[in-house]
Amino acid sequence: MGTEALHEFERKMTATVIDIKGHCNAGHKIGDKFRVSCRYSDGLCGYFYHDIFPALSVIQHGGRYPWWDEGQTVFEYQCPDKKNVLTLRVEAVGKL
């Protein structure tokens, strides 16, 4: 897979599959890791990437949602396939 160049105002982020209930149709497995950003999905299922994109944009650029704790840099999200639920943990690595 290719690499992605980040700007100085962007955080690096990793996404890790932490749970699957059922069978992931994209072939993801528990423990799979992806280097994600607003411009790079690193092979993450397109449907899932589409769903988490708004949160990626916020966390990558140092923002936060009002319901997040101050300084929160980790969030968990569930796959849109509710028959085969995959849980992904996305974490910002480092500081802006």
C-alpha atoms as a PDB file:
ATOM      1  CA  MET A   1       0.000   0.000   0.000  1.00  0.00           C
ATOM      2  CA  GLY A   2       1.104   3.539  -0.620  1.00  0.00           C
ATOM      3  CA  THR A   3       2.006   6.117   1.964  1.00  0.00           C
ATOM      4  CA  GLU A   4       0.417   9.421   2.593  1.00  0.00           C
ATOM      5  CA  ALA A   5       2.130  12.749   3.160  1.00  0.00           C
ATOM      6  CA  LEU A   6       0.584  14.742   5.994  1.00  0.00           C
ATOM      7  CA  HIS A   7       0.667  18.495   6.393  1.00  0.00           C
ATOM      8  CA  GLU A   8       1.951  20.030   9.622  1.00  0.00           C
ATOM      9  CA  PHE A   9      -1.653  20.798  10.662  1.00  0.00           C
ATOM     10  CA  GLU A  10      -2.791  17.166  10.379  1.00  0.00           C
ATOM     11  CA  ARG A  11      -2.592  14.395  12.951  1.00  0.00           C
ATOM     12  CA  LYS A  12      -1.682  10.839  12.064  1.00  0.00           C
ATOM     13  CA  MET A  13      -4.490   8.401  12.867  1.00  0.00           C
ATOM     14  CA  THR A  14      -4.745   4.650  13.203  1.00  0.00           C
ATOM     15  CA  ALA A  15      -7.899   2.558  13.042  1.00  0.00           C
ATOM     16  CA  THR A  16      -8.004  -0.916  14.593  1.00  0.00           C
ATOM     17  CA  VAL A  17     -10.718  -3.564  14.301  1.00  0.00           C
ATOM     18  CA  ILE A  18     -11.523  -4.459  17.920  1.00  0.00           C
ATOM     19  CA  ASP A  19     -14.686  -6.580  17.577  1.00  0.00           C
ATOM     20  CA  ILE A  20     -16.799  -8.375  14.971  1.00  0.00           C
ATOM     21  CA  LYS A  21     -20.227  -9.869  15.523  1.00  0.00           C
ATOM     22  CA  GLY A  22     -20.941 -11.989  12.470  1.00  0.00           C
ATOM     23  CA  HIS A  23     -18.812 -12.011   9.315  1.00  0.00           C
ATOM     24  CA  CYS A  24     -17.249  -8.907   7.781  1.00  0.00           C
ATOM     25  CA  ASN A  25     -18.103  -8.893   4.075  1.00  0.00           C
ATOM     26  CA  ALA A  26     -15.016  -6.761   3.368  1.00  0.00           C
ATOM     27  CA  GLY A  27     -12.795  -9.418   4.911  1.00  0.00           C
ATOM     28  CA  HIS A  28     -11.634  -7.365   7.887  1.00  0.00           C
ATOM     29  CA  LYS A  29     -10.563  -9.298  10.995  1.00  0.00           C
ATOM     30  CA  ILE A  30     -10.021  -8.432  14.648  1.00  0.00           C
ATOM     31  CA  GLY A  31      -6.616  -6.819  15.003  1.00  0.00           C
ATOM     32  CA  ASP A  32      -6.499  -5.380  11.468  1.00  0.00           C
ATOM     33  CA  LYS A  33      -4.936  -1.896  11.522  1.00  0.00           C
ATOM     34  CA  PHE A  34      -5.339   0.921   9.037  1.00  0.00           C
ATOM     35  CA  ARG A  35      -3.579   4.255   8.739  1.00  0.00           C
ATOM     36  CA  VAL A  36      -6.469   6.571   7.942  1.00  0.00           C
ATOM     37  CA  SER A  37      -6.949  10.255   7.251  1.00  0.00           C
ATOM     38  CA  CYS A  38      -9.311  12.517   5.389  1.00  0.00           C
ATOM     39  CA  ARG A  39      -7.460  11.610   2.190  1.00  0.00           C
ATOM     40  CA  TYR A  40      -6.476   7.994   2.755  1.00  0.00           C
ATOM     41  CA  SER A  41      -8.517   4.898   3.712  1.00  0.00           C
ATOM     42  CA  ASP A  42      -5.624   2.358   3.635  1.00  0.00           C
ATOM     43  CA  GLY A  43      -7.961  -0.409   2.440  1.00  0.00           C
ATOM     44  CA  LEU A  44     -10.730   0.165   4.988  1.00  0.00           C
ATOM     45  CA  CYS A  45     -14.158  -0.757   3.585  1.00  0.00           C
ATOM     46  CA  GLY A  46     -15.560   2.191   1.637  1.00  0.00           C
ATOM     47  CA  TYR A  47     -18.951   2.072   3.374  1.00  0.00           C
ATOM     48  CA  PHE A  48     -17.285   2.229   6.784  1.00  0.00           C
ATOM     49  CA  TYR A  49     -14.853   4.942   5.677  1.00  0.00           C
ATOM     50  CA  HIS A  50     -17.782   7.010   4.413  1.00  0.00           C
ATOM     51  CA  ASP A  51     -19.506   6.735   7.805  1.00  0.00           C
ATOM     52  CA  ILE A  52     -16.486   7.762   9.894  1.00  0.00           C
ATOM     53  CA  PHE A  53     -15.238  10.492   7.548  1.00  0.00           C
ATOM     54  CA  PRO A  54     -16.827  13.422   9.475  1.00  0.00           C
ATOM     55  CA  ALA A  55     -15.175  12.307  12.730  1.00  0.00           C
ATOM     56  CA  LEU A  56     -11.860  11.756  10.916  1.00  0.00           C
ATOM     57  CA  SER A  57     -11.985  15.313   9.661  1.00  0.00           C
ATOM     58  CA  VAL A  58     -12.602  16.687  13.149  1.00  0.00           C
ATOM     59  CA  ILE A  59      -9.949  14.670  14.977  1.00  0.00           C
ATOM     60  CA  GLN A  60      -7.316  14.939  12.225  1.00  0.00           C
ATOM     61  CA  HIS A  61      -7.373  18.720  12.415  1.00  0.00           C
ATOM     62  CA  GLY A  62      -7.387  18.972  16.211  1.00  0.00           C
ATOM     63  CA  GLY A  63     -11.071  19.693  16.724  1.00  0.00           C
ATOM     64  CA  ARG A  64     -13.608  17.947  18.911  1.00  0.00           C
ATOM     65  CA  TYR A  65     -17.337  17.436  19.178  1.00  0.00           C
ATOM     66  CA  PRO A  66     -19.097  19.074  22.155  1.00  0.00           C
ATOM     67  CA  TRP A  67     -19.948  15.648  23.613  1.00  0.00           C
ATOM     68  CA  TRP A  68     -16.306  14.495  23.579  1.00  0.00           C
ATOM     69  CA  ASP A  69     -14.133  14.903  26.655  1.00  0.00           C
ATOM     70  CA  GLU A  70     -11.513  17.639  26.526  1.00  0.00           C
ATOM     71  CA  GLY A  71      -8.450  16.264  24.746  1.00  0.00           C
ATOM     72  CA  GLN A  72     -10.202  13.084  23.596  1.00  0.00           C
ATOM     73  CA  THR A  73      -8.256  11.528  20.727  1.00  0.00           C
ATOM     74  CA  VAL A  74      -9.899   8.079  20.549  1.00  0.00           C
ATOM     75  CA  PHE A  75     -13.341   7.130  19.334  1.00  0.00           C
ATOM     76  CA  GLU A  76     -15.106   3.872  18.510  1.00  0.00           C
ATOM     77  CA  TYR A  77     -17.504   3.431  15.649  1.00  0.00           C
ATOM     78  CA  GLN A  78     -19.650   0.556  14.408  1.00  0.00           C
ATOM     79  CA  CYS A  79     -19.984  -0.638  10.841  1.00  0.00           C
ATOM     80  CA  PRO A  80     -23.144   0.359   8.958  1.00  0.00           C
ATOM     81  CA  ASP A  81     -23.825  -3.383   8.296  1.00  0.00           C
ATOM     82  CA  LYS A  82     -25.966  -4.055  11.360  1.00  0.00           C
ATOM     83  CA  LYS A  83     -26.241  -7.793  10.589  1.00  0.00           C
ATOM     84  CA  ASN A  84     -22.448  -8.168  10.787  1.00  0.00           C
ATOM     85  CA  VAL A  85     -21.339  -5.477  13.209  1.00  0.00           C
ATOM     86  CA  LEU A  86     -17.655  -4.599  13.175  1.00  0.00           C
ATOM     87  CA  THR A  87     -16.304  -2.162  15.784  1.00  0.00           C
ATOM     88  CA  LEU A  88     -13.390   0.072  14.892  1.00  0.00           C
ATOM     89  CA  ARG A  89     -11.267   2.137  17.292  1.00  0.00           C
ATOM     90  CA  VAL A  90      -9.766   5.255  15.717  1.00  0.00           C
ATOM     91  CA  GLU A  91      -6.966   7.005  17.530  1.00  0.00           C
ATOM     92  CA  ALA A  92      -4.992  10.161  16.824  1.00  0.00           C
ATOM     93  CA  VAL A  93      -1.267   9.565  17.161  1.00  0.00           C
ATOM     94  CA  GLY A  94       0.790  12.467  18.423  1.00  0.00           C
ATOM     95  CA  LYS A  95      -0.070  16.125  18.712  1.00  0.00           C
ATOM     96  CA  LEU A  96      -0.679  18.832  16.187  1.00  0.00           C
END
